[in-house]
């Protein structure tokens, strides 16, 4: 009887420990899933509407049509492209996302470590080569800022891999930007290789007419 009682006690304790461990693991994984989902959807929309191999022309009307649907809360145009960033002798590649600040529902503001999203709307006076000029703003990730040695208010150069054709050949598009804010999303891929511009600044930089690559 004592042996049976000991076996019963060990069995009950084993089941208790297994159940507690399972509950802890499920709680941790659920929390991790929710945190990952929130971070992903904080910088990305649920759905991207794209036209493969081409740009979207009449995107304003298309966005209004989408917003008229009962299952769509908001629709915002954006322009994505690849650029090369330089600061002094430091160089890094990045993906630029031009966003409509008035229509985008992205939660970028809560990830900003320095600066604010509304500062991206206006051009800022910066000193370059001993003179003051008005420059558009850009938002970079903290890992990318560390790699390029940048801080809020610093000036960097953006180079487009797709140049402009001229009489002497293809000349790359180069433009200066002021770092208006630095974000920290907690996701290495975004913090080290993603930057944000105002939509019109991105269109002008890439030499595009009034088009976008997708609607979020």
C-alpha atoms as a PDB file:
ATOM      1  CA  UNK A   1       0.000   0.000   0.000  1.00  0.00           C
ATOM      2  CA  UNK A   2       2.856   2.387   0.738  1.00  0.00           C
ATOM      3  CA  UNK A   3       4.432   1.574  -2.630  1.00  0.00           C
ATOM      4  CA  UNK A   4       1.132   2.209  -4.411  1.00  0.00           C
ATOM      5  CA  UNK A   5       0.720   5.513  -2.506  1.00  0.00           C
ATOM      6  CA  UNK A   6       4.255   6.567  -3.530  1.00  0.00           C
ATOM      7  CA  UNK A   7       3.535   5.730  -7.188  1.00  0.00           C
ATOM      8  CA  UNK A   8       0.297   7.727  -6.996  1.00  0.00           C
ATOM      9  CA  UNK A   9       2.115  10.734  -5.505  1.00  0.00           C
ATOM     10  CA  UNK A  10       4.863  10.599  -8.166  1.00  0.00           C
ATOM     11  CA  UNK A  11       2.268  10.281 -10.934  1.00  0.00           C
ATOM     12  CA  UNK A  12       0.243  13.239  -9.669  1.00  0.00           C
ATOM     13  CA  UNK A  13       3.361  15.394  -9.289  1.00  0.00           C
ATOM     14  CA  UNK A  14       4.508  14.402 -12.783  1.00  0.00           C
ATOM     15  CA  UNK A  15       1.165  15.398 -14.301  1.00  0.00           C
ATOM     16  CA  UNK A  16       1.177  18.683 -12.351  1.00  0.00           C
ATOM     17  CA  UNK A  17       4.686  19.590 -13.518  1.00  0.00           C
ATOM     18  CA  UNK A  18       3.833  18.684 -17.122  1.00  0.00           C
ATOM     19  CA  UNK A  19       0.660  20.795 -17.078  1.00  0.00           C
ATOM     20  CA  UNK A  20       2.448  23.795 -15.517  1.00  0.00           C
ATOM     21  CA  UNK A  21       5.275  23.537 -18.076  1.00  0.00           C
ATOM     22  CA  UNK A  22       2.796  23.303 -20.941  1.00  0.00           C
ATOM     23  CA  UNK A  23       0.875  26.354 -19.705  1.00  0.00           C
ATOM     24  CA  UNK A  24       4.084  28.387 -19.376  1.00  0.00           C
ATOM     25  CA  UNK A  25       5.255  27.431 -22.871  1.00  0.00           C
ATOM     26  CA  UNK A  26       1.846  28.236 -24.403  1.00  0.00           C
ATOM     27  CA  UNK A  27       1.758  31.618 -22.606  1.00  0.00           C
ATOM     28  CA  UNK A  28       5.260  32.522 -23.796  1.00  0.00           C
ATOM     29  CA  UNK A  29       4.550  31.505 -27.398  1.00  0.00           C
ATOM     30  CA  UNK A  30       1.228  33.365 -27.416  1.00  0.00           C
ATOM     31  CA  UNK A  31       2.907  36.517 -26.120  1.00  0.00           C
ATOM     32  CA  UNK A  32       5.694  36.182 -28.675  1.00  0.00           C
ATOM     33  CA  UNK A  33       3.165  35.695 -31.496  1.00  0.00           C
ATOM     34  CA  UNK A  34       1.184  38.773 -30.445  1.00  0.00           C
ATOM     35  CA  UNK A  35       4.316  40.914 -30.128  1.00  0.00           C
ATOM     36  CA  UNK A  36       5.603  39.777 -33.527  1.00  0.00           C
ATOM     37  CA  UNK A  37       2.212  40.388 -35.143  1.00  0.00           C
ATOM     38  CA  UNK A  38       1.954  43.871 -33.641  1.00  0.00           C
ATOM     39  CA  UNK A  39       5.450  44.789 -34.818  1.00  0.00           C
ATOM     40  CA  UNK A  40       4.843  43.470 -38.326  1.00  0.00           C
ATOM     41  CA  UNK A  41       1.494  45.221 -38.688  1.00  0.00           C
ATOM     42  CA  UNK A  42       2.907  48.355 -37.091  1.00  0.00           C
ATOM     43  CA  UNK A  43       5.084  48.899 -40.171  1.00  0.00           C
ATOM     44  CA  UNK A  44       3.043  46.989 -42.771  1.00  0.00           C
ATOM     45  CA  UNK A  45      -0.539  46.948 -43.949  1.00  0.00           C
ATOM     46  CA  UNK A  46      -2.744  43.855 -43.898  1.00  0.00           C
ATOM     47  CA  UNK A  47      -3.013  43.873 -47.705  1.00  0.00           C
ATOM     48  CA  UNK A  48      -0.938  45.411 -50.514  1.00  0.00           C
ATOM     49  CA  UNK A  49      -2.619  46.093 -53.841  1.00  0.00           C
ATOM     50  CA  UNK A  50      -0.004  46.017 -56.614  1.00  0.00           C
ATOM     51  CA  UNK A  51       0.192  45.908 -60.401  1.00  0.00           C
ATOM     52  CA  UNK A  52       2.978  43.424 -61.237  1.00  0.00           C
ATOM     53  CA  UNK A  53       5.695  44.958 -63.355  1.00  0.00           C
ATOM     54  CA  UNK A  54       4.077  48.377 -63.545  1.00  0.00           C
ATOM     55  CA  UNK A  55       3.061  51.438 -61.524  1.00  0.00           C
ATOM     56  CA  UNK A  56      -0.416  52.467 -60.396  1.00  0.00           C
ATOM     57  CA  UNK A  57      -1.499  55.648 -62.171  1.00  0.00           C
ATOM     58  CA  UNK A  58      -4.963  56.648 -60.976  1.00  0.00           C
ATOM     59  CA  UNK A  59      -4.213  55.616 -57.406  1.00  0.00           C
ATOM     60  CA  UNK A  60      -6.267  58.342 -55.700  1.00  0.00           C
ATOM     61  CA  UNK A  61      -9.497  57.167 -57.282  1.00  0.00           C
ATOM     62  CA  UNK A  62      -8.571  53.539 -56.686  1.00  0.00           C
ATOM     63  CA  UNK A  63      -7.879  54.267 -52.996  1.00  0.00           C
ATOM     64  CA  UNK A  64     -11.246  56.037 -52.660  1.00  0.00           C
ATOM     65  CA  UNK A  65     -13.002  53.076 -54.275  1.00  0.00           C
ATOM     66  CA  UNK A  66     -11.301  50.723 -51.824  1.00  0.00           C
ATOM     67  CA  UNK A  67     -12.257  52.885 -48.851  1.00  0.00           C
ATOM     68  CA  UNK A  68     -15.872  52.611 -49.977  1.00  0.00           C
ATOM     69  CA  UNK A  69     -15.848  48.898 -49.221  1.00  0.00           C
ATOM     70  CA  UNK A  70     -17.300  47.763 -45.900  1.00  0.00           C
ATOM     71  CA  UNK A  71     -14.313  45.507 -45.176  1.00  0.00           C
ATOM     72  CA  UNK A  72     -11.672  48.222 -45.745  1.00  0.00           C
ATOM     73  CA  UNK A  73     -10.893  50.666 -42.930  1.00  0.00           C
ATOM     74  CA  UNK A  74      -8.353  52.759 -44.831  1.00  0.00           C
ATOM     75  CA  UNK A  75      -6.336  52.731 -48.056  1.00  0.00           C
ATOM     76  CA  UNK A  76      -3.108  54.685 -48.530  1.00  0.00           C
ATOM     77  CA  UNK A  77      -0.783  54.883 -51.560  1.00  0.00           C
ATOM     78  CA  UNK A  78       2.939  54.253 -51.146  1.00  0.00           C
ATOM     79  CA  UNK A  79       6.035  54.040 -53.315  1.00  0.00           C
ATOM     80  CA  UNK A  80       8.774  51.486 -52.714  1.00  0.00           C
ATOM     81  CA  UNK A  81      12.243  51.441 -54.216  1.00  0.00           C
ATOM     82  CA  UNK A  82      15.883  50.590 -53.573  1.00  0.00           C
ATOM     83  CA  UNK A  83      18.531  53.206 -52.832  1.00  0.00           C
ATOM     84  CA  UNK A  84      22.132  53.545 -51.711  1.00  0.00           C
ATOM     85  CA  UNK A  85      22.818  55.800 -48.715  1.00  0.00           C
ATOM     86  CA  UNK A  86      26.166  57.461 -48.115  1.00  0.00           C
ATOM     87  CA  UNK A  87      27.466  59.431 -45.159  1.00  0.00           C
ATOM     88  CA  UNK A  88      31.112  60.422 -45.402  1.00  0.00           C
ATOM     89  CA  UNK A  89      32.981  57.275 -46.366  1.00  0.00           C
ATOM     90  CA  UNK A  90      30.231  54.957 -45.131  1.00  0.00           C
ATOM     91  CA  UNK A  91      27.834  53.298 -47.572  1.00  0.00           C
ATOM     92  CA  UNK A  92      24.724  51.150 -47.057  1.00  0.00           C
ATOM     93  CA  UNK A  93      21.900  49.848 -49.200  1.00  0.00           C
ATOM     94  CA  UNK A  94      18.294  50.287 -48.116  1.00  0.00           C
ATOM     95  CA  UNK A  95      14.683  50.010 -49.199  1.00  0.00           C
ATOM     96  CA  UNK A  96      12.858  53.329 -49.254  1.00  0.00           C
ATOM     97  CA  UNK A  97       9.133  53.600 -48.656  1.00  0.00           C
ATOM     98  CA  UNK A  98       7.425  56.808 -49.680  1.00  0.00           C
ATOM     99  CA  UNK A  99       4.280  57.254 -47.606  1.00  0.00           C
ATOM    100  CA  UNK A 100       1.276  59.571 -47.646  1.00  0.00           C
ATOM    101  CA  UNK A 101       1.466  61.010 -44.139  1.00  0.00           C
ATOM    102  CA  UNK A 102      -2.160  62.167 -44.144  1.00  0.00           C
ATOM    103  CA  UNK A 103      -3.657  58.819 -45.145  1.00  0.00           C
ATOM    104  CA  UNK A 104      -1.291  56.176 -43.830  1.00  0.00           C
ATOM    105  CA  UNK A 105      -2.451  54.224 -40.748  1.00  0.00           C
ATOM    106  CA  UNK A 106       1.015  52.886 -39.996  1.00  0.00           C
ATOM    107  CA  UNK A 107       2.009  52.945 -36.304  1.00  0.00           C
ATOM    108  CA  UNK A 108       5.509  54.222 -37.040  1.00  0.00           C
ATOM    109  CA  UNK A 109       5.175  57.019 -34.477  1.00  0.00           C
ATOM    110  CA  UNK A 110       5.304  54.656 -31.498  1.00  0.00           C
ATOM    111  CA  UNK A 111       8.598  53.171 -32.691  1.00  0.00           C
ATOM    112  CA  UNK A 112      10.369  56.506 -33.091  1.00  0.00           C
ATOM    113  CA  UNK A 113      13.332  56.868 -30.754  1.00  0.00           C
ATOM    114  CA  UNK A 114      14.120  60.422 -31.843  1.00  0.00           C
ATOM    115  CA  UNK A 115      12.072  62.987 -33.740  1.00  0.00           C
ATOM    116  CA  UNK A 116       8.439  62.794 -34.822  1.00  0.00           C
ATOM    117  CA  UNK A 117       6.546  61.717 -37.919  1.00  0.00           C
ATOM    118  CA  UNK A 118       5.039  65.158 -38.574  1.00  0.00           C
ATOM    119  CA  UNK A 119       8.536  66.627 -39.069  1.00  0.00           C
ATOM    120  CA  UNK A 120       8.726  64.643 -42.309  1.00  0.00           C
ATOM    121  CA  UNK A 121       6.082  66.908 -43.862  1.00  0.00           C
ATOM    122  CA  UNK A 122       8.304  69.979 -44.035  1.00  0.00           C
ATOM    123  CA  UNK A 123      11.695  70.754 -45.493  1.00  0.00           C
ATOM    124  CA  UNK A 124      14.437  71.652 -43.047  1.00  0.00           C
ATOM    125  CA  UNK A 125      17.289  74.111 -43.261  1.00  0.00           C
ATOM    126  CA  UNK A 126      20.640  72.313 -43.067  1.00  0.00           C
ATOM    127  CA  UNK A 127      24.231  73.488 -43.414  1.00  0.00           C
ATOM    128  CA  UNK A 128      26.056  71.835 -46.316  1.00  0.00           C
ATOM    129  CA  UNK A 129      29.447  73.000 -47.492  1.00  0.00           C
ATOM    130  CA  UNK A 130      29.317  76.160 -45.424  1.00  0.00           C
ATOM    131  CA  UNK A 131      25.930  77.285 -46.719  1.00  0.00           C
ATOM    132  CA  UNK A 132      22.349  76.759 -45.600  1.00  0.00           C
ATOM    133  CA  UNK A 133      19.912  74.985 -47.908  1.00  0.00           C
ATOM    134  CA  UNK A 134      16.402  73.543 -47.594  1.00  0.00           C
ATOM    135  CA  UNK A 135      16.388  69.748 -47.706  1.00  0.00           C
ATOM    136  CA  UNK A 136      13.644  67.100 -47.541  1.00  0.00           C
ATOM    137  CA  UNK A 137      13.516  64.759 -44.570  1.00  0.00           C
ATOM    138  CA  UNK A 138      14.077  61.044 -44.160  1.00  0.00           C
ATOM    139  CA  UNK A 139      13.476  58.541 -41.328  1.00  0.00           C
ATOM    140  CA  UNK A 140      16.011  55.749 -40.794  1.00  0.00           C
ATOM    141  CA  UNK A 141      16.264  52.709 -38.529  1.00  0.00           C
ATOM    142  CA  UNK A 142      18.563  52.811 -35.516  1.00  0.00           C
ATOM    143  CA  UNK A 143      20.842  50.031 -36.786  1.00  0.00           C
ATOM    144  CA  UNK A 144      21.198  51.769 -40.138  1.00  0.00           C
ATOM    145  CA  UNK A 145      21.894  55.069 -38.371  1.00  0.00           C
ATOM    146  CA  UNK A 146      24.633  53.424 -36.292  1.00  0.00           C
ATOM    147  CA  UNK A 147      26.138  51.844 -39.399  1.00  0.00           C
ATOM    148  CA  UNK A 148      26.296  55.207 -41.182  1.00  0.00           C
ATOM    149  CA  UNK A 149      27.215  57.193 -38.067  1.00  0.00           C
ATOM    150  CA  UNK A 150      24.061  59.315 -38.258  1.00  0.00           C
ATOM    151  CA  UNK A 151      21.994  61.158 -35.689  1.00  0.00           C
ATOM    152  CA  UNK A 152      18.894  63.311 -35.884  1.00  0.00           C
ATOM    153  CA  UNK A 153      19.599  66.454 -37.920  1.00  0.00           C
ATOM    154  CA  UNK A 154      22.517  64.961 -39.869  1.00  0.00           C
ATOM    155  CA  UNK A 155      22.662  65.138 -43.668  1.00  0.00           C
ATOM    156  CA  UNK A 156      23.104  62.080 -45.875  1.00  0.00           C
ATOM    157  CA  UNK A 157      23.174  61.423 -49.600  1.00  0.00           C
ATOM    158  CA  UNK A 158      20.766  59.076 -51.343  1.00  0.00           C
ATOM    159  CA  UNK A 159      21.754  57.530 -54.669  1.00  0.00           C
ATOM    160  CA  UNK A 160      19.291  55.802 -56.990  1.00  0.00           C
ATOM    161  CA  UNK A 161      20.665  52.712 -58.782  1.00  0.00           C
ATOM    162  CA  UNK A 162      18.526  53.700 -61.789  1.00  0.00           C
ATOM    163  CA  UNK A 163      20.112  56.807 -63.287  1.00  0.00           C
ATOM    164  CA  UNK A 164      18.844  59.494 -65.638  1.00  0.00           C
ATOM    165  CA  UNK A 165      19.790  59.236 -69.351  1.00  0.00           C
ATOM    166  CA  UNK A 166      21.762  62.219 -70.644  1.00  0.00           C
ATOM    167  CA  UNK A 167      23.832  63.112 -73.706  1.00  0.00           C
ATOM    168  CA  UNK A 168      26.958  61.823 -71.964  1.00  0.00           C
ATOM    169  CA  UNK A 169      25.386  58.621 -70.681  1.00  0.00           C
ATOM    170  CA  UNK A 170      23.502  57.468 -67.609  1.00  0.00           C
ATOM    171  CA  UNK A 171      23.969  59.714 -64.589  1.00  0.00           C
ATOM    172  CA  UNK A 172      22.806  58.393 -61.198  1.00  0.00           C
ATOM    173  CA  UNK A 173      20.263  60.440 -59.290  1.00  0.00           C
ATOM    174  CA  UNK A 174      21.783  61.893 -56.130  1.00  0.00           C
ATOM    175  CA  UNK A 175      19.955  63.941 -53.539  1.00  0.00           C
ATOM    176  CA  UNK A 176      20.657  65.059 -49.999  1.00  0.00           C
ATOM    177  CA  UNK A 177      18.231  64.408 -47.135  1.00  0.00           C
ATOM    178  CA  UNK A 178      18.092  65.403 -43.475  1.00  0.00           C
ATOM    179  CA  UNK A 179      17.550  62.702 -40.855  1.00  0.00           C
ATOM    180  CA  UNK A 180      14.317  63.855 -39.210  1.00  0.00           C
ATOM    181  CA  UNK A 181      13.731  60.815 -37.002  1.00  0.00           C
ATOM    182  CA  UNK A 182      15.200  57.442 -36.012  1.00  0.00           C
ATOM    183  CA  UNK A 183      12.990  54.422 -35.344  1.00  0.00           C
ATOM    184  CA  UNK A 184      13.555  51.199 -33.436  1.00  0.00           C
ATOM    185  CA  UNK A 185      11.042  48.491 -34.361  1.00  0.00           C
ATOM    186  CA  UNK A 186      12.932  45.702 -32.626  1.00  0.00           C
ATOM    187  CA  UNK A 187      13.179  43.817 -35.942  1.00  0.00           C
ATOM    188  CA  UNK A 188      16.704  43.715 -37.307  1.00  0.00           C
ATOM    189  CA  UNK A 189      15.711  43.534 -40.986  1.00  0.00           C
ATOM    190  CA  UNK A 190      13.662  46.724 -40.743  1.00  0.00           C
ATOM    191  CA  UNK A 191      15.999  48.659 -38.450  1.00  0.00           C
ATOM    192  CA  UNK A 192      19.026  47.996 -40.660  1.00  0.00           C
ATOM    193  CA  UNK A 193      17.561  48.328 -44.138  1.00  0.00           C
ATOM    194  CA  UNK A 194      14.366  50.402 -44.266  1.00  0.00           C
ATOM    195  CA  UNK A 195      13.898  54.166 -44.574  1.00  0.00           C
ATOM    196  CA  UNK A 196      10.816  56.345 -44.954  1.00  0.00           C
ATOM    197  CA  UNK A 197      10.225  59.470 -47.053  1.00  0.00           C
ATOM    198  CA  UNK A 198       7.255  61.627 -47.841  1.00  0.00           C
ATOM    199  CA  UNK A 199       5.491  60.248 -50.916  1.00  0.00           C
ATOM    200  CA  UNK A 200       6.075  63.322 -53.078  1.00  0.00           C
ATOM    201  CA  UNK A 201       9.776  63.391 -52.105  1.00  0.00           C
ATOM    202  CA  UNK A 202      10.143  59.736 -53.120  1.00  0.00           C
ATOM    203  CA  UNK A 203       8.405  60.374 -56.445  1.00  0.00           C
ATOM    204  CA  UNK A 204      10.700  63.309 -57.148  1.00  0.00           C
ATOM    205  CA  UNK A 205      13.816  61.415 -56.134  1.00  0.00           C
ATOM    206  CA  UNK A 206      13.099  58.479 -58.444  1.00  0.00           C
ATOM    207  CA  UNK A 207      12.109  60.837 -61.254  1.00  0.00           C
ATOM    208  CA  UNK A 208       8.600  59.419 -61.496  1.00  0.00           C
ATOM    209  CA  UNK A 209       5.404  61.159 -62.428  1.00  0.00           C
ATOM    210  CA  UNK A 210       2.375  60.993 -60.153  1.00  0.00           C
ATOM    211  CA  UNK A 211       2.454  57.183 -59.694  1.00  0.00           C
ATOM    212  CA  UNK A 212       2.886  54.680 -56.857  1.00  0.00           C
ATOM    213  CA  UNK A 213       3.954  51.060 -56.606  1.00  0.00           C
ATOM    214  CA  UNK A 214       1.146  49.888 -54.327  1.00  0.00           C
ATOM    215  CA  UNK A 215      -1.834  50.806 -52.173  1.00  0.00           C
ATOM    216  CA  UNK A 216      -1.740  49.674 -48.564  1.00  0.00           C
END
